[in-house]
Amino acid sequence: MPNALQYVVLGAGGHAKVVIETLRAQGKEVVGAVAPQSDQSTLEGVSLVIAENLARDRWPPAEVRCVVGIGSVGDPSLRVAAFEDTLARGFLMGTAVHPSAVISRSVTLGDGTVAFAGAIVQAQAVVGDNVIINTGAIIDHDCAVGPHVHLAPRATLAGGVIVGDGAHIGAGAIVLQGLKIGPRAIIGAGAVVTEDVDAAVTVVGVPARPVSL
């Protein structure tokens, strides 16, 4: 019987800590973390390697799966770069789903996606690659969430919501059913979205309105 896959986390901050704990809660072995800089030598008891990228001679790609442990608030570019560079180096991405998360059997979760404690994803939702479904976040039925999206803690998407690539749904924000959130849009914490939001637009408030420049 082949050995169980081991996991490497990309990042050294608070988000990476939660990724490590989520993987451990699943019974998965985390053998290392990688970050370009840090004052630490370990992260949650895991050896922290200071390097710009994963090295194939340290972890053979066939033996590990990688998970991005870099959070984002509005700008997912670092997370996207880590994800794409890791794939380009021949590694594969793994998912991290906390045992307390509720994920419907009919849900599609993309590579590298994480679902933290208390997250809920309902029937026929489709979630893209490298998505963060943070603590207690909810994706209801028939939603479509693009790659690199971050749903912050307790963010809620009602049924049939479409979220574009790299969008950020802030902590406690609510997006009402059937709406569309454009790529790289930012929904402020606690906002209630009652109409579609265009690409790269930031909205805040109840009801949510674009931020004046």
Protein backbone atom coordinates (compact mmCIF):
# COMPACT_ATOMS: atom_id res chain seq x y z
CA MET A 1 0.00 0.00 0.00
CA PRO A 2 1.51 3.39 -0.99
CA ASN A 3 2.46 5.88 1.68
CA ALA A 4 -0.07 8.61 2.47
CA LEU A 5 0.63 11.95 0.85
CA GLN A 6 2.29 14.61 2.94
CA TYR A 7 1.45 18.32 2.82
CA VAL A 8 3.47 21.51 2.45
CA VAL A 9 1.96 24.91 3.26
CA LEU A 10 3.02 28.04 1.39
CA GLY A 11 3.19 30.99 3.78
CA ALA A 12 4.16 31.84 7.35
CA GLY A 13 1.44 34.10 8.71
CA GLY A 14 -1.82 33.66 10.57
CA HIS A 15 -3.64 32.19 7.59
CA ALA A 16 -0.93 29.55 7.20
CA LYS A 17 -1.38 28.58 10.84
CA VAL A 18 -5.08 27.90 10.26
CA VAL A 19 -4.31 25.89 7.13
CA ILE A 20 -1.89 23.73 9.12
CA GLU A 21 -4.41 23.16 11.90
CA THR A 22 -7.13 22.34 9.35
CA LEU A 23 -4.94 19.75 7.65
CA ARG A 24 -4.03 18.22 11.00
CA ALA A 25 -7.69 18.06 11.98
CA GLN A 26 -8.17 15.93 8.85
CA GLY A 27 -5.42 13.60 10.01
CA LYS A 28 -3.00 14.76 7.32
CA GLU A 29 0.72 15.10 7.93
CA VAL A 30 2.19 18.56 7.37
CA VAL A 31 5.92 18.19 6.75
CA GLY A 32 6.88 21.79 6.13
CA ALA A 33 6.03 25.39 5.34
CA VAL A 34 7.78 27.69 2.89
CA ALA A 35 7.99 31.48 2.95
CA PRO A 36 10.38 34.03 1.40
CA GLN A 37 11.08 35.64 4.77
CA SER A 38 10.28 35.13 8.43
CA ASP A 39 11.85 35.54 11.87
CA GLN A 40 10.64 32.06 12.79
CA SER A 41 12.19 28.66 12.19
CA THR A 42 8.96 26.76 12.84
CA LEU A 43 5.27 27.41 12.33
CA GLU A 44 2.80 25.56 14.56
CA GLY A 45 5.54 23.02 15.19
CA VAL A 46 6.27 22.57 11.48
CA SER A 47 9.71 23.26 10.02
CA LEU A 48 9.69 26.59 8.18
CA VAL A 49 11.95 26.85 5.15
CA ILE A 50 12.96 30.35 4.10
CA ALA A 51 12.92 30.29 0.31
CA GLU A 52 11.19 32.04 -2.56
CA ASN A 53 9.84 28.80 -4.00
CA LEU A 54 9.38 25.12 -3.35
CA ALA A 55 12.43 23.00 -4.13
CA ARG A 56 11.95 19.68 -5.89
CA ASP A 57 15.03 18.19 -4.19
CA ARG A 58 13.56 18.86 -0.74
CA TRP A 59 10.05 17.52 -1.44
CA PRO A 60 9.57 15.29 -4.49
CA PRO A 61 6.37 16.46 -6.24
CA ALA A 62 4.94 12.95 -6.38
CA GLU A 63 5.05 12.65 -2.59
CA VAL A 64 3.46 15.91 -1.44
CA ARG A 65 0.48 18.14 -2.01
CA CYS A 66 0.70 21.89 -1.51
CA VAL A 67 -1.79 24.33 -0.04
CA VAL A 68 -1.45 28.11 -0.22
CA GLY A 69 -1.36 29.57 3.28
CA ILE A 70 -1.31 33.21 2.19
CA GLY A 71 -4.37 35.24 3.10
CA SER A 72 -5.67 38.25 1.22
CA VAL A 73 -7.65 41.38 1.95
CA GLY A 74 -8.73 42.77 -1.38
CA ASP A 75 -5.60 41.92 -3.37
CA PRO A 76 -5.12 38.20 -4.11
CA SER A 77 -2.00 38.68 -6.24
CA LEU A 78 0.42 37.01 -3.79
CA ARG A 79 -1.87 34.01 -3.40
CA VAL A 80 -2.34 33.74 -7.15
CA ALA A 81 1.41 33.95 -7.78
CA ALA A 82 2.18 31.27 -5.18
CA PHE A 83 -0.46 28.97 -6.64
CA GLU A 84 0.62 29.39 -10.25
CA ASP A 85 4.36 29.16 -9.52
CA THR A 86 3.89 25.97 -7.53
CA LEU A 87 2.00 24.32 -10.37
CA ALA A 88 4.62 25.51 -12.86
CA ARG A 89 7.28 23.73 -10.78
CA GLY A 90 5.46 20.44 -11.20
CA PHE A 91 3.77 20.22 -7.80
CA LEU A 92 0.09 19.45 -7.31
CA MET A 93 -2.28 21.34 -5.01
CA GLY A 94 -4.30 19.72 -2.25
CA THR A 95 -7.45 20.85 -0.49
CA ALA A 96 -7.91 21.43 3.23
CA VAL A 97 -11.42 20.91 4.60
CA HIS A 98 -11.98 21.03 8.35
CA PRO A 99 -14.01 18.08 9.72
CA SER A 100 -16.58 20.52 11.12
CA ALA A 101 -17.20 22.07 7.69
CA VAL A 102 -20.40 20.91 5.97
CA ILE A 103 -19.80 20.29 2.27
CA SER A 104 -22.60 18.82 0.15
CA ARG A 105 -21.70 15.71 -1.82
CA SER A 106 -22.80 17.49 -4.99
CA VAL A 107 -20.34 20.35 -4.52
CA THR A 108 -17.28 20.78 -6.74
CA LEU A 109 -14.21 22.10 -4.91
CA GLY A 110 -11.25 23.29 -6.97
CA ASP A 111 -7.62 22.40 -6.40
CA GLY A 112 -5.99 24.17 -3.49
CA THR A 113 -9.25 25.37 -1.98
CA VAL A 114 -9.59 25.53 1.81
CA ALA A 115 -12.73 25.35 3.95
CA PHE A 116 -12.16 26.20 7.60
CA ALA A 117 -14.07 25.26 10.75
CA GLY A 118 -17.82 25.78 10.53
CA ALA A 119 -17.90 26.57 6.81
CA ILE A 120 -20.98 25.42 4.88
CA VAL A 121 -21.23 24.77 1.14
CA GLN A 122 -24.61 23.65 -0.11
CA ALA A 123 -25.93 21.55 -3.01
CA GLN A 124 -24.62 22.03 -6.55
CA ALA A 125 -22.28 24.88 -5.67
CA VAL A 126 -19.15 25.08 -7.78
CA VAL A 127 -16.03 26.51 -6.12
CA GLY A 128 -12.92 27.26 -8.16
CA ASP A 129 -9.23 26.73 -7.50
CA ASN A 130 -7.37 28.32 -4.57
CA VAL A 131 -10.51 29.70 -2.89
CA ILE A 132 -10.61 30.57 0.81
CA ILE A 133 -13.88 29.61 2.52
CA ASN A 134 -13.00 31.08 5.86
CA THR A 135 -14.29 30.26 9.34
CA GLY A 136 -18.07 30.01 9.40
CA ALA A 137 -18.54 31.27 5.82
CA ILE A 138 -21.60 30.04 3.89
CA ILE A 139 -21.98 29.30 0.19
CA ASP A 140 -25.57 28.33 -0.48
CA HIS A 141 -27.00 26.16 -3.26
CA ASP A 142 -26.11 26.66 -6.93
CA CYS A 143 -23.49 29.35 -6.34
CA ALA A 144 -20.52 29.64 -8.69
CA VAL A 145 -17.34 30.96 -7.06
CA GLY A 146 -14.38 31.72 -9.32
CA PRO A 147 -10.74 30.94 -8.61
CA HIS A 148 -8.74 32.82 -5.96
CA VAL A 149 -11.84 34.26 -4.24
CA HIS A 150 -11.69 34.91 -0.49
CA LEU A 151 -14.84 34.56 1.59
CA ALA A 152 -13.85 36.06 4.94
CA PRO A 153 -15.19 34.71 8.27
CA ARG A 154 -19.00 34.42 8.34
CA ALA A 155 -19.46 35.87 4.86
CA THR A 156 -22.66 34.55 3.27
CA LEU A 157 -23.61 33.93 -0.35
CA ALA A 158 -27.31 33.21 -0.77
CA GLY A 159 -28.46 30.80 -3.47
CA GLY A 160 -27.33 31.19 -7.06
CA VAL A 161 -24.74 33.92 -6.51
CA ILE A 162 -21.92 34.19 -9.06
CA VAL A 163 -18.58 35.51 -7.81
CA GLY A 164 -15.83 36.45 -10.27
CA ASP A 165 -12.16 35.56 -10.07
CA GLY A 166 -10.19 37.06 -7.20
CA ALA A 167 -13.10 38.85 -5.53
CA HIS A 168 -13.08 39.45 -1.77
CA ILE A 169 -16.24 39.03 0.31
CA GLY A 170 -15.58 40.71 3.67
CA ALA A 171 -16.24 39.34 7.13
CA GLY A 172 -19.95 39.07 7.89
CA ALA A 173 -20.98 40.39 4.47
CA ILE A 174 -24.16 39.05 2.86
CA VAL A 175 -24.77 38.76 -0.88
CA LEU A 176 -28.43 38.22 -1.72
CA GLN A 177 -29.62 35.45 -4.00
CA GLY A 178 -28.95 35.45 -7.72
CA LEU A 179 -26.55 38.39 -7.77
CA LYS A 180 -23.26 38.69 -9.66
CA ILE A 181 -20.03 39.93 -8.09
CA GLY A 182 -17.43 40.92 -10.68
CA PRO A 183 -13.80 39.81 -10.75
CA ARG A 184 -11.56 41.53 -8.17
CA ALA A 185 -14.55 43.28 -6.59
CA ILE A 186 -14.34 43.94 -2.86
CA ILE A 187 -17.37 43.61 -0.59
CA GLY A 188 -16.70 45.41 2.70
CA ALA A 189 -17.12 43.73 6.06
CA GLY A 190 -20.74 43.64 7.18
CA ALA A 191 -22.10 44.88 3.86
CA VAL A 192 -25.45 43.66 2.52
CA VAL A 193 -25.30 43.43 -1.27
CA THR A 194 -28.69 43.90 -2.94
CA GLU A 195 -27.61 44.40 -6.57
CA ASP A 196 -24.86 43.27 -8.91
CA VAL A 197 -21.33 44.60 -8.32
CA ASP A 198 -19.07 45.36 -11.29
CA ALA A 199 -15.49 44.17 -11.65
CA ALA A 200 -12.86 45.81 -9.42
CA VAL A 201 -15.48 47.91 -7.58
CA THR A 202 -15.47 48.23 -3.78
CA VAL A 203 -18.84 48.42 -2.04
CA VAL A 204 -19.63 48.96 1.63
CA GLY A 205 -22.63 49.51 3.88
CA VAL A 206 -26.25 48.40 4.21
CA PRO A 207 -27.37 48.34 1.50
CA ALA A 208 -23.95 48.15 -0.13
CA ARG A 209 -22.92 51.11 -2.28
CA PRO A 210 -19.70 51.85 -4.21
CA VAL A 211 -17.00 53.68 -2.34
CA SER A 212 -16.57 57.24 -3.61
CA LEU A 213 -13.07 58.02 -4.84
